[in-house]
Amino acid sequence: MKLTGRLLGGLAVAALAFTTTATPAQAATQYPTPTPTPADCYTGMQTVNADRSVGVVSLSNSKLTWEQNASAPVPFDATYLRQTGAAGDATTFQESYFGTAADGTAKFYRSRSEKQANGTWKRYVDGAVTSMSSGWFQKSLTTAYLPSAVANTPGQDYLYRLTAAGDLYRYAVNFSGKTIGAPVKVFGGGTAINAIGAAPSTTVNGKPTAVLLATLSTGELREYLIPGATPTQWTSRTVRPASASGWQNFTTISARSCGTGQVVIGLSAHHVASYYDPTGLTANDADIRGGASSMPVLPSTTRVFAW
């Protein structure tokens, strides 16, 4: 039996090779993106409802959808969650997840879905939950993949954690091996940052460099460029200035490549918004277009996390 599936989180984990099929979930209403977006653009956000049921807000085919009950309920009070792998067929589906809990521990677990004879899906946590290090309290958390500088060599997945005090830490993580490296403090003093999310990586002076998208309390949309080998030698650039207003309301945000451009998705006052930039996010960017979508406001008790 051949297993196929969709990696909802989109992490570039070299060991995972999936084709695109729908995750077993309830039918979701589609809403057009606020600005015309190429059909091949794809990104999204993970959601966890008050009852710990899992959902996915996704952007694809120029439409926004919110699929709910896409997996077994989260077995802990999640302060961050993202899918790290998925595989399945017409009758079974298995997903792996990484998350942080309200007690400050990092967690890994698997969810399994099995189609019943009456056509419904039975969903359950498959095996034990693996608890890792403690101290995972944050204002915002995101994951990012950085390609290797060496050809035909796997890159590295990282976690970036922004504390309430405005300190940004980076952790090397192996999702399949369930290991998290020691923290590296990238910078301090970022108290004006409301949220961080991954954006497509870039190359600076021939060296792979991670890019984090950040919203600031001043209304600014900013990118932080963090070299893979020397993370403390970061730089930043303003994508949209504070005078553009509005970005201070975003509590979740992320960006992904889309052809020669980038698509941005986020959450502002629990309203899903999306943007498209045909040339990619740059300093003082003026051609980014978009805004709040026509999707109904998500419940205030629903937690939403950037991929």
C-alpha atoms as a PDB file:
ATOM      1  CA  MET A   1       0.000   0.000   0.000  1.00  0.00           C
ATOM      2  CA  LYS A   2       1.545   3.268  -1.080  1.00  0.00           C
ATOM      3  CA  LEU A   3       1.319   6.095   1.442  1.00  0.00           C
ATOM      4  CA  THR A   4       0.832   9.623   0.223  1.00  0.00           C
ATOM      5  CA  GLY A   5      -0.014  12.787   2.071  1.00  0.00           C
ATOM      6  CA  ARG A   6       0.365  16.490   2.476  1.00  0.00           C
ATOM      7  CA  LEU A   7       2.792  18.193   4.822  1.00  0.00           C
ATOM      8  CA  LEU A   8       0.487  20.901   6.102  1.00  0.00           C
ATOM      9  CA  GLY A   9       3.225  22.864   7.814  1.00  0.00           C
ATOM     10  CA  GLY A  10       5.427  22.830   4.726  1.00  0.00           C
ATOM     11  CA  LEU A  11       8.692  22.216   6.603  1.00  0.00           C
ATOM     12  CA  ALA A  12      11.497  21.312   4.241  1.00  0.00           C
ATOM     13  CA  VAL A  13      12.512  18.114   6.020  1.00  0.00           C
ATOM     14  CA  ALA A  14      14.720  16.188   3.636  1.00  0.00           C
ATOM     15  CA  ALA A  15      13.563  12.774   4.859  1.00  0.00           C
ATOM     16  CA  LEU A  16       9.935  13.525   4.009  1.00  0.00           C
ATOM     17  CA  ALA A  17       8.675  13.295   0.454  1.00  0.00           C
ATOM     18  CA  PHE A  18       4.925  13.656   0.137  1.00  0.00           C
ATOM     19  CA  THR A  19       2.509  14.210  -2.686  1.00  0.00           C
ATOM     20  CA  THR A  20      -0.490  16.483  -2.253  1.00  0.00           C
ATOM     21  CA  THR A  21      -3.762  14.938  -1.115  1.00  0.00           C
ATOM     22  CA  ALA A  22      -6.335  16.273   1.289  1.00  0.00           C
ATOM     23  CA  THR A  23      -6.029  15.556   4.963  1.00  0.00           C
ATOM     24  CA  PRO A  24      -9.222  13.890   6.273  1.00  0.00           C
ATOM     25  CA  ALA A  25     -11.224  16.827   7.649  1.00  0.00           C
ATOM     26  CA  GLN A  26     -14.640  18.390   7.566  1.00  0.00           C
ATOM     27  CA  ALA A  27     -15.581  20.272   4.408  1.00  0.00           C
ATOM     28  CA  ALA A  28     -14.517  23.903   4.670  1.00  0.00           C
ATOM     29  CA  THR A  29     -15.995  27.020   3.073  1.00  0.00           C
ATOM     30  CA  GLN A  30     -13.672  28.787   0.645  1.00  0.00           C
ATOM     31  CA  TYR A  31     -13.138  32.546   0.637  1.00  0.00           C
ATOM     32  CA  PRO A  32     -11.305  34.536  -2.060  1.00  0.00           C
ATOM     33  CA  THR A  33      -7.998  36.124  -1.152  1.00  0.00           C
ATOM     34  CA  PRO A  34      -8.314  39.899  -0.582  1.00  0.00           C
ATOM     35  CA  THR A  35      -6.048  40.599  -3.544  1.00  0.00           C
ATOM     36  CA  PRO A  36      -5.569  38.392  -6.635  1.00  0.00           C
ATOM     37  CA  THR A  37      -3.031  35.694  -5.774  1.00  0.00           C
ATOM     38  CA  PRO A  38      -1.514  33.138  -8.181  1.00  0.00           C
ATOM     39  CA  ALA A  39      -3.189  29.744  -7.926  1.00  0.00           C
ATOM     40  CA  ASP A  40       0.080  27.991  -7.069  1.00  0.00           C
ATOM     41  CA  CYS A  41       0.672  30.086  -3.910  1.00  0.00           C
ATOM     42  CA  TYR A  42       0.341  28.000  -0.763  1.00  0.00           C
ATOM     43  CA  THR A  43       0.705  28.773   2.932  1.00  0.00           C
ATOM     44  CA  GLY A  44      -1.274  28.611   6.149  1.00  0.00           C
ATOM     45  CA  MET A  45      -1.589  28.664   9.921  1.00  0.00           C
ATOM     46  CA  GLN A  46      -2.271  25.974  12.526  1.00  0.00           C
ATOM     47  CA  THR A  47      -5.288  26.424  14.798  1.00  0.00           C
ATOM     48  CA  VAL A  48      -6.236  24.860  18.136  1.00  0.00           C
ATOM     49  CA  ASN A  49      -9.750  25.387  19.495  1.00  0.00           C
ATOM     50  CA  ALA A  50     -10.754  25.602  23.146  1.00  0.00           C
ATOM     51  CA  ASP A  51     -11.643  21.883  23.083  1.00  0.00           C
ATOM     52  CA  ARG A  52      -8.085  21.203  21.772  1.00  0.00           C
ATOM     53  CA  SER A  53      -9.335  20.167  18.337  1.00  0.00           C
ATOM     54  CA  VAL A  54      -6.864  20.891  15.556  1.00  0.00           C
ATOM     55  CA  GLY A  55      -7.506  22.909  12.425  1.00  0.00           C
ATOM     56  CA  VAL A  56      -5.670  24.508   9.520  1.00  0.00           C
ATOM     57  CA  VAL A  57      -6.224  27.894   7.900  1.00  0.00           C
ATOM     58  CA  SER A  58      -4.769  27.465   4.429  1.00  0.00           C
ATOM     59  CA  LEU A  59      -4.277  29.597   1.347  1.00  0.00           C
ATOM     60  CA  SER A  60      -4.241  27.714  -1.962  1.00  0.00           C
ATOM     61  CA  ASN A  61      -5.791  28.088  -5.409  1.00  0.00           C
ATOM     62  CA  SER A  62      -6.405  31.779  -4.602  1.00  0.00           C
ATOM     63  CA  LYS A  63      -8.789  30.766  -1.803  1.00  0.00           C
ATOM     64  CA  LEU A  64      -8.672  30.777   1.999  1.00  0.00           C
ATOM     65  CA  THR A  65     -10.207  27.907   3.975  1.00  0.00           C
ATOM     66  CA  TRP A  66     -10.407  26.809   7.591  1.00  0.00           C
ATOM     67  CA  GLU A  67     -10.419  23.030   7.940  1.00  0.00           C
ATOM     68  CA  GLN A  68     -11.414  21.949  11.440  1.00  0.00           C
ATOM     69  CA  ASN A  69     -11.045  18.628  13.255  1.00  0.00           C
ATOM     70  CA  ALA A  70      -8.173  17.777  10.943  1.00  0.00           C
ATOM     71  CA  SER A  71      -6.439  15.638  13.565  1.00  0.00           C
ATOM     72  CA  ALA A  72      -6.859  14.106  17.014  1.00  0.00           C
ATOM     73  CA  PRO A  73      -7.293  16.618  19.860  1.00  0.00           C
ATOM     74  CA  VAL A  74      -3.980  17.951  21.173  1.00  0.00           C
ATOM     75  CA  PRO A  75      -2.996  15.917  24.279  1.00  0.00           C
ATOM     76  CA  PHE A  76      -1.817  19.034  26.161  1.00  0.00           C
ATOM     77  CA  ASP A  77      -2.677  22.724  26.564  1.00  0.00           C
ATOM     78  CA  ALA A  78      -0.820  23.998  23.490  1.00  0.00           C
ATOM     79  CA  THR A  79       0.883  27.385  23.461  1.00  0.00           C
ATOM     80  CA  TYR A  80       2.379  26.509  20.063  1.00  0.00           C
ATOM     81  CA  LEU A  81       1.676  23.709  17.585  1.00  0.00           C
ATOM     82  CA  ARG A  82       2.713  22.746  14.106  1.00  0.00           C
ATOM     83  CA  GLN A  83       2.609  19.652  11.962  1.00  0.00           C
ATOM     84  CA  THR A  84       6.044  18.312  11.015  1.00  0.00           C
ATOM     85  CA  GLY A  85       5.083  15.389   8.803  1.00  0.00           C
ATOM     86  CA  ALA A  86       2.117  13.535   7.304  1.00  0.00           C
ATOM     87  CA  ALA A  87       1.397  10.424   5.259  1.00  0.00           C
ATOM     88  CA  GLY A  88      -1.681   8.390   4.442  1.00  0.00           C
ATOM     89  CA  ASP A  89      -4.088   6.926   1.926  1.00  0.00           C
ATOM     90  CA  ALA A  90      -7.850   6.618   1.476  1.00  0.00           C
ATOM     91  CA  THR A  91      -8.375   4.786   4.770  1.00  0.00           C
ATOM     92  CA  THR A  92      -5.585   5.821   7.160  1.00  0.00           C
ATOM     93  CA  PHE A  93      -3.655   8.986   7.879  1.00  0.00           C
ATOM     94  CA  GLN A  94      -0.793   9.692  10.285  1.00  0.00           C
ATOM     95  CA  GLU A  95       0.656  13.070  11.267  1.00  0.00           C
ATOM     96  CA  SER A  96       3.535  14.093  13.500  1.00  0.00           C
ATOM     97  CA  TYR A  97       3.425  17.262  15.597  1.00  0.00           C
ATOM     98  CA  PHE A  98       5.723  19.505  17.609  1.00  0.00           C
ATOM     99  CA  GLY A  99       4.347  21.870  20.220  1.00  0.00           C
ATOM    100  CA  THR A 100       4.892  23.664  23.484  1.00  0.00           C
ATOM    101  CA  ALA A 101       2.623  23.356  26.497  1.00  0.00           C
ATOM    102  CA  ALA A 102       1.308  25.812  29.073  1.00  0.00           C
ATOM    103  CA  ASP A 103       3.611  24.238  31.666  1.00  0.00           C
ATOM    104  CA  GLY A 104       6.638  25.255  29.562  1.00  0.00           C
ATOM    105  CA  THR A 105       7.578  21.845  28.172  1.00  0.00           C
ATOM    106  CA  ALA A 106       8.257  21.039  24.533  1.00  0.00           C
ATOM    107  CA  LYS A 107       6.327  18.073  23.131  1.00  0.00           C
ATOM    108  CA  PHE A 108       6.386  15.646  20.216  1.00  0.00           C
ATOM    109  CA  TYR A 109       3.483  13.339  19.383  1.00  0.00           C
ATOM    110  CA  ARG A 110       1.732  11.506  16.563  1.00  0.00           C
ATOM    111  CA  SER A 111      -1.918  11.592  15.514  1.00  0.00           C
ATOM    112  CA  ARG A 112      -3.622   8.808  13.589  1.00  0.00           C
ATOM    113  CA  SER A 113      -6.883   8.861  11.611  1.00  0.00           C
ATOM    114  CA  GLU A 114      -8.702   5.714  10.485  1.00  0.00           C
ATOM    115  CA  LYS A 115     -11.749   5.650   8.232  1.00  0.00           C
ATOM    116  CA  GLN A 116     -14.625   3.650   9.704  1.00  0.00           C
ATOM    117  CA  ALA A 117     -17.077   1.429   7.826  1.00  0.00           C
ATOM    118  CA  ASN A 118     -19.753   4.139   8.011  1.00  0.00           C
ATOM    119  CA  GLY A 119     -17.434   6.671   6.352  1.00  0.00           C
ATOM    120  CA  THR A 120     -16.551   8.633   9.500  1.00  0.00           C
ATOM    121  CA  TRP A 121     -12.989   9.101  10.739  1.00  0.00           C
ATOM    122  CA  LYS A 122     -11.677   7.860  14.073  1.00  0.00           C
ATOM    123  CA  ARG A 123      -8.842  10.074  15.317  1.00  0.00           C
ATOM    124  CA  TYR A 124      -6.530   9.357  18.224  1.00  0.00           C
ATOM    125  CA  VAL A 125      -3.040  10.076  19.569  1.00  0.00           C
ATOM    126  CA  ASP A 126      -0.824   7.249  18.330  1.00  0.00           C
ATOM    127  CA  GLY A 127       1.587   6.226  21.088  1.00  0.00           C
ATOM    128  CA  ALA A 128       3.137   8.156  23.943  1.00  0.00           C
ATOM    129  CA  VAL A 129       3.723  11.904  24.010  1.00  0.00           C
ATOM    130  CA  THR A 130       7.432  12.736  24.208  1.00  0.00           C
ATOM    131  CA  SER A 131       8.193  15.595  26.604  1.00  0.00           C
ATOM    132  CA  MET A 132      11.427  17.532  26.152  1.00  0.00           C
ATOM    133  CA  SER A 133      13.064  20.476  27.879  1.00  0.00           C
ATOM    134  CA  SER A 134      11.170  22.986  30.013  1.00  0.00           C
ATOM    135  CA  GLY A 135      11.200  26.776  29.987  1.00  0.00           C
ATOM    136  CA  TRP A 136       9.241  27.178  26.751  1.00  0.00           C
ATOM    137  CA  PHE A 137       7.328  30.311  27.656  1.00  0.00           C
ATOM    138  CA  GLN A 138       7.182  32.851  24.828  1.00  0.00           C
ATOM    139  CA  LYS A 139       5.475  35.812  23.291  1.00  0.00           C
ATOM    140  CA  SER A 140       5.860  34.304  19.838  1.00  0.00           C
ATOM    141  CA  LEU A 141       7.430  31.171  18.343  1.00  0.00           C
ATOM    142  CA  THR A 142       8.126  30.095  14.788  1.00  0.00           C
ATOM    143  CA  THR A 143      10.040  27.440  12.878  1.00  0.00           C
ATOM    144  CA  ALA A 144      12.293  28.026   9.887  1.00  0.00           C
ATOM    145  CA  TYR A 145      14.363  25.866   7.550  1.00  0.00           C
ATOM    146  CA  LEU A 146      17.790  27.025   6.411  1.00  0.00           C
ATOM    147  CA  PRO A 147      19.423  25.322   3.398  1.00  0.00           C
ATOM    148  CA  SER A 148      23.017  24.176   3.667  1.00  0.00           C
ATOM    149  CA  ALA A 149      25.872  26.145   2.139  1.00  0.00           C
ATOM    150  CA  VAL A 150      27.278  22.824   0.905  1.00  0.00           C
ATOM    151  CA  ALA A 151      25.717  21.255  -2.183  1.00  0.00           C
ATOM    152  CA  ASN A 152      23.786  18.002  -1.698  1.00  0.00           C
ATOM    153  CA  THR A 153      23.930  18.423   2.081  1.00  0.00           C
ATOM    154  CA  PRO A 154      20.775  18.604   4.216  1.00  0.00           C
ATOM    155  CA  GLY A 155      19.972  21.956   5.766  1.00  0.00           C
ATOM    156  CA  GLN A 156      18.813  22.657   9.298  1.00  0.00           C
ATOM    157  CA  ASP A 157      15.450  23.283  10.942  1.00  0.00           C
ATOM    158  CA  TYR A 158      15.411  25.969  13.630  1.00  0.00           C
ATOM    159  CA  LEU A 159      13.023  27.192  16.292  1.00  0.00           C
ATOM    160  CA  TYR A 160      12.972  30.924  16.994  1.00  0.00           C
ATOM    161  CA  ARG A 161      11.497  31.958  20.351  1.00  0.00           C
ATOM    162  CA  LEU A 162      10.674  35.558  21.271  1.00  0.00           C
ATOM    163  CA  THR A 163      10.280  36.045  25.019  1.00  0.00           C
ATOM    164  CA  ALA A 164       8.022  38.558  26.740  1.00  0.00           C
ATOM    165  CA  ALA A 165      11.179  40.527  27.590  1.00  0.00           C
ATOM    166  CA  GLY A 166      11.991  40.887  23.870  1.00  0.00           C
ATOM    167  CA  ASP A 167      14.867  38.384  23.724  1.00  0.00           C
ATOM    168  CA  LEU A 168      15.118  36.266  20.581  1.00  0.00           C
ATOM    169  CA  TYR A 169      16.587  32.760  20.914  1.00  0.00           C
ATOM    170  CA  ARG A 170      17.429  30.221  18.215  1.00  0.00           C
ATOM    171  CA  TYR A 171      17.407  26.435  18.692  1.00  0.00           C
ATOM    172  CA  ALA A 172      18.530  23.796  16.200  1.00  0.00           C
ATOM    173  CA  VAL A 173      15.863  21.100  16.082  1.00  0.00           C
ATOM    174  CA  ASN A 174      15.607  17.623  14.594  1.00  0.00           C
ATOM    175  CA  PHE A 175      11.896  16.894  14.256  1.00  0.00           C
ATOM    176  CA  SER A 176      12.297  13.279  13.164  1.00  0.00           C
ATOM    177  CA  GLY A 177      14.893  12.573  15.861  1.00  0.00           C
ATOM    178  CA  LYS A 178      12.968  14.578  18.475  1.00  0.00           C
ATOM    179  CA  THR A 179      15.974  16.565  19.651  1.00  0.00           C
ATOM    180  CA  ILE A 180      16.349  20.265  20.437  1.00  0.00           C
ATOM    181  CA  GLY A 181      19.740  21.977  20.625  1.00  0.00           C
ATOM    182  CA  ALA A 182      20.981  24.487  23.165  1.00  0.00           C
ATOM    183  CA  PRO A 183      19.619  28.043  22.926  1.00  0.00           C
ATOM    184  CA  VAL A 184      21.581  30.758  21.148  1.00  0.00           C
ATOM    185  CA  LYS A 185      20.607  34.310  22.019  1.00  0.00           C
ATOM    186  CA  VAL A 186      20.301  36.248  18.771  1.00  0.00           C
ATOM    187  CA  PHE A 187      19.423  39.609  20.314  1.00  0.00           C
ATOM    188  CA  GLY A 188      17.707  41.335  23.225  1.00  0.00           C
ATOM    189  CA  GLY A 189      15.675  44.489  23.568  1.00  0.00           C
ATOM    190  CA  GLY A 190      12.932  43.530  21.117  1.00  0.00           C
ATOM    191  CA  THR A 191      10.078  44.548  23.386  1.00  0.00           C
ATOM    192  CA  ALA A 192       8.338  46.376  20.524  1.00  0.00           C
ATOM    193  CA  ILE A 193       7.986  43.131  18.538  1.00  0.00           C
ATOM    194  CA  ASN A 194       4.479  41.687  18.719  1.00  0.00           C
ATOM    195  CA  ALA A 195       4.933  38.543  16.634  1.00  0.00           C
ATOM    196  CA  ILE A 196       7.503  36.710  14.534  1.00  0.00           C
ATOM    197  CA  GLY A 197       7.026  34.305  11.649  1.00  0.00           C
ATOM    198  CA  ALA A 198       9.253  32.592   9.126  1.00  0.00           C
ATOM    199  CA  ALA A 199       9.838  34.043   5.674  1.00  0.00           C
ATOM    200  CA  PRO A 200      11.785  32.437   2.798  1.00  0.00           C
ATOM    201  CA  SER A 201      15.515  32.231   3.495  1.00  0.00           C
ATOM    202  CA  THR A 202      18.023  34.149   1.413  1.00  0.00           C
ATOM    203  CA  THR A 203      21.753  34.290   0.720  1.00  0.00           C
ATOM    204  CA  VAL A 204      23.942  37.156   1.926  1.00  0.00           C
ATOM    205  CA  ASN A 205      27.563  37.244   0.754  1.00  0.00           C
ATOM    206  CA  GLY A 206      27.201  33.627  -0.330  1.00  0.00           C
ATOM    207  CA  LYS A 207      26.011  32.466   3.093  1.00  0.00           C
ATOM    208  CA  PRO A 208      22.561  31.006   3.901  1.00  0.00           C
ATOM    209  CA  THR A 209      20.576  33.492   5.961  1.00  0.00           C
ATOM    210  CA  ALA A 210      17.274  32.972   7.736  1.00  0.00           C
ATOM    211  CA  VAL A 211      14.592  35.641   7.399  1.00  0.00           C
ATOM    212  CA  LEU A 212      12.046  36.326  10.129  1.00  0.00           C
ATOM    213  CA  LEU A 213       9.037  38.520   9.505  1.00  0.00           C
ATOM    214  CA  ALA A 214       8.056  40.646  12.517  1.00  0.00           C
ATOM    215  CA  THR A 215       5.192  42.966  13.402  1.00  0.00           C
ATOM    216  CA  LEU A 216       5.945  45.838  15.785  1.00  0.00           C
ATOM    217  CA  SER A 217       3.783  47.751  18.231  1.00  0.00           C
ATOM    218  CA  THR A 218       4.620  50.907  16.250  1.00  0.00           C
ATOM    219  CA  GLY A 219       2.783  49.534  13.198  1.00  0.00           C
ATOM    220  CA  GLU A 220       5.960  48.616  11.315  1.00  0.00           C
ATOM    221  CA  LEU A 221       6.416  45.399   9.352  1.00  0.00           C
ATOM    222  CA  ARG A 222      10.062  44.370   9.591  1.00  0.00           C
ATOM    223  CA  GLU A 223      12.370  41.561   8.448  1.00  0.00           C
ATOM    224  CA  TYR A 224      15.287  40.230  10.492  1.00  0.00           C
ATOM    225  CA  LEU A 225      18.084  38.596   8.506  1.00  0.00           C
ATOM    226  CA  ILE A 226      19.922  36.041  10.651  1.00  0.00           C
ATOM    227  CA  PRO A 227      23.059  34.337   9.230  1.00  0.00           C
ATOM    228  CA  GLY A 228      23.052  30.601   9.813  1.00  0.00           C
ATOM    229  CA  ALA A 229      26.678  30.408  10.955  1.00  0.00           C
ATOM    230  CA  THR A 230      26.785  33.697  12.897  1.00  0.00           C
ATOM    231  CA  PRO A 231      23.252  34.399  14.183  1.00  0.00           C
ATOM    232  CA  THR A 232      24.317  37.263  16.452  1.00  0.00           C
ATOM    233  CA  GLN A 233      25.467  39.234  13.382  1.00  0.00           C
ATOM    234  CA  TRP A 234      21.891  39.905  12.329  1.00  0.00           C
ATOM    235  CA  THR A 235      20.578  42.846  10.358  1.00  0.00           C
ATOM    236  CA  SER A 236      17.064  44.171   9.804  1.00  0.00           C
ATOM    237  CA  ARG A 237      15.104  46.057   7.182  1.00  0.00           C
ATOM    238  CA  THR A 238      11.734  47.785   7.179  1.00  0.00           C
ATOM    239  CA  VAL A 239       9.251  46.208   4.768  1.00  0.00           C
ATOM    240  CA  ARG A 240       6.423  48.643   5.554  1.00  0.00           C
ATOM    241  CA  PRO A 241       7.023  51.708   7.743  1.00  0.00           C
ATOM    242  CA  ALA A 242       5.112  52.554  10.898  1.00  0.00           C
ATOM    243  CA  SER A 243       3.302  55.281   8.973  1.00  0.00           C
ATOM    244  CA  ALA A 244       1.637  52.549   6.881  1.00  0.00           C
ATOM    245  CA  SER A 245      -0.202  51.564  10.098  1.00  0.00           C
ATOM    246  CA  GLY A 246      -2.094  48.394  10.925  1.00  0.00           C
ATOM    247  CA  TRP A 247       0.696  45.851  11.335  1.00  0.00           C
ATOM    248  CA  GLN A 248       0.741  46.341  15.124  1.00  0.00           C
ATOM    249  CA  ASN A 249      -2.500  44.384  15.350  1.00  0.00           C
ATOM    250  CA  PHE A 250      -1.039  41.162  13.931  1.00  0.00           C
ATOM    251  CA  THR A 251      -0.389  38.448  16.501  1.00  0.00           C
ATOM    252  CA  THR A 252       0.437  35.754  13.922  1.00  0.00           C
ATOM    253  CA  ILE A 253       2.249  36.226  10.618  1.00  0.00           C
ATOM    254  CA  SER A 254       4.376  34.284   8.128  1.00  0.00           C
ATOM    255  CA  ALA A 255       5.467  34.405   4.496  1.00  0.00           C
ATOM    256  CA  ARG A 256       6.253  31.866   1.785  1.00  0.00           C
ATOM    257  CA  SER A 257       7.714  31.988  -1.713  1.00  0.00           C
ATOM    258  CA  CYS A 258       5.277  32.069  -4.602  1.00  0.00           C
ATOM    259  CA  GLY A 259       7.028  32.073  -7.963  1.00  0.00           C
ATOM    260  CA  THR A 260       9.120  35.233  -8.063  1.00  0.00           C
ATOM    261  CA  GLY A 261       7.031  36.771  -5.289  1.00  0.00           C
ATOM    262  CA  GLN A 262       5.872  36.040  -1.765  1.00  0.00           C
ATOM    263  CA  VAL A 263       2.531  35.494  -0.102  1.00  0.00           C
ATOM    264  CA  VAL A 264       1.934  36.628   3.491  1.00  0.00           C
ATOM    265  CA  ILE A 265      -0.768  35.318   5.814  1.00  0.00           C
ATOM    266  CA  GLY A 266      -1.570  36.519   9.308  1.00  0.00           C
ATOM    267  CA  LEU A 267      -4.102  37.083  12.031  1.00  0.00           C
ATOM    268  CA  SER A 268      -5.248  40.485  13.277  1.00  0.00           C
ATOM    269  CA  ALA A 269      -7.905  40.609  16.018  1.00  0.00           C
ATOM    270  CA  HIS A 270      -8.698  36.996  15.037  1.00  0.00           C
ATOM    271  CA  HIS A 271      -9.438  38.094  11.475  1.00  0.00           C
ATOM    272  CA  VAL A 272      -7.510  36.200   8.786  1.00  0.00           C
ATOM    273  CA  ALA A 273      -5.633  38.457   6.369  1.00  0.00           C
ATOM    274  CA  SER A 274      -3.461  37.724   3.368  1.00  0.00           C
ATOM    275  CA  TYR A 275      -1.135  39.733   1.145  1.00  0.00           C
ATOM    276  CA  TYR A 276       0.712  39.151  -2.091  1.00  0.00           C
ATOM    277  CA  ASP A 277       3.904  40.761  -3.344  1.00  0.00           C
ATOM    278  CA  PRO A 278       4.772  39.817  -6.957  1.00  0.00           C
ATOM    279  CA  THR A 279       8.449  40.716  -6.562  1.00  0.00           C
ATOM    280  CA  GLY A 280       9.145  39.457  -3.027  1.00  0.00           C
ATOM    281  CA  LEU A 281       9.369  41.413   0.228  1.00  0.00           C
ATOM    282  CA  THR A 282      12.059  44.073   0.154  1.00  0.00           C
ATOM    283  CA  ALA A 283      13.018  47.184   2.090  1.00  0.00           C
ATOM    284  CA  ASN A 284      10.346  49.912   1.965  1.00  0.00           C
ATOM    285  CA  ASP A 285       8.185  47.651  -0.144  1.00  0.00           C
ATOM    286  CA  ALA A 286       5.376  49.490  -1.928  1.00  0.00           C
ATOM    287  CA  ASP A 287       3.880  46.747  -4.123  1.00  0.00           C
ATOM    288  CA  ILE A 288       2.583  44.447  -1.380  1.00  0.00           C
ATOM    289  CA  ARG A 289      -1.212  44.253  -1.655  1.00  0.00           C
ATOM    290  CA  GLY A 290      -3.925  42.657   0.464  1.00  0.00           C
ATOM    291  CA  GLY A 291      -5.710  42.942   3.787  1.00  0.00           C
ATOM    292  CA  ALA A 292      -8.433  41.316   5.877  1.00  0.00           C
ATOM    293  CA  SER A 293     -10.300  38.508   4.149  1.00  0.00           C
ATOM    294  CA  SER A 294     -14.038  37.839   3.981  1.00  0.00           C
ATOM    295  CA  MET A 295     -13.595  34.771   6.194  1.00  0.00           C
ATOM    296  CA  PRO A 296     -15.617  35.200   9.418  1.00  0.00           C
ATOM    297  CA  VAL A 297     -13.653  36.227  12.481  1.00  0.00           C
ATOM    298  CA  LEU A 298     -12.260  33.157  14.254  1.00  0.00           C
ATOM    299  CA  PRO A 299     -13.482  32.484  17.808  1.00  0.00           C
ATOM    300  CA  SER A 300     -11.539  34.439  20.437  1.00  0.00           C
ATOM    301  CA  THR A 301     -10.756  31.155  22.202  1.00  0.00           C
ATOM    302  CA  THR A 302      -9.028  29.706  19.102  1.00  0.00           C
ATOM    303  CA  ARG A 303      -5.249  29.825  19.182  1.00  0.00           C
ATOM    304  CA  VAL A 304      -3.514  30.417  15.848  1.00  0.00           C
ATOM    305  CA  PHE A 305       0.143  29.661  15.146  1.00  0.00           C
ATOM    306  CA  ALA A 306       2.373  30.511  12.203  1.00  0.00           C
ATOM    307  CA  TRP A 307       3.969  27.737  10.172  1.00  0.00           C
END
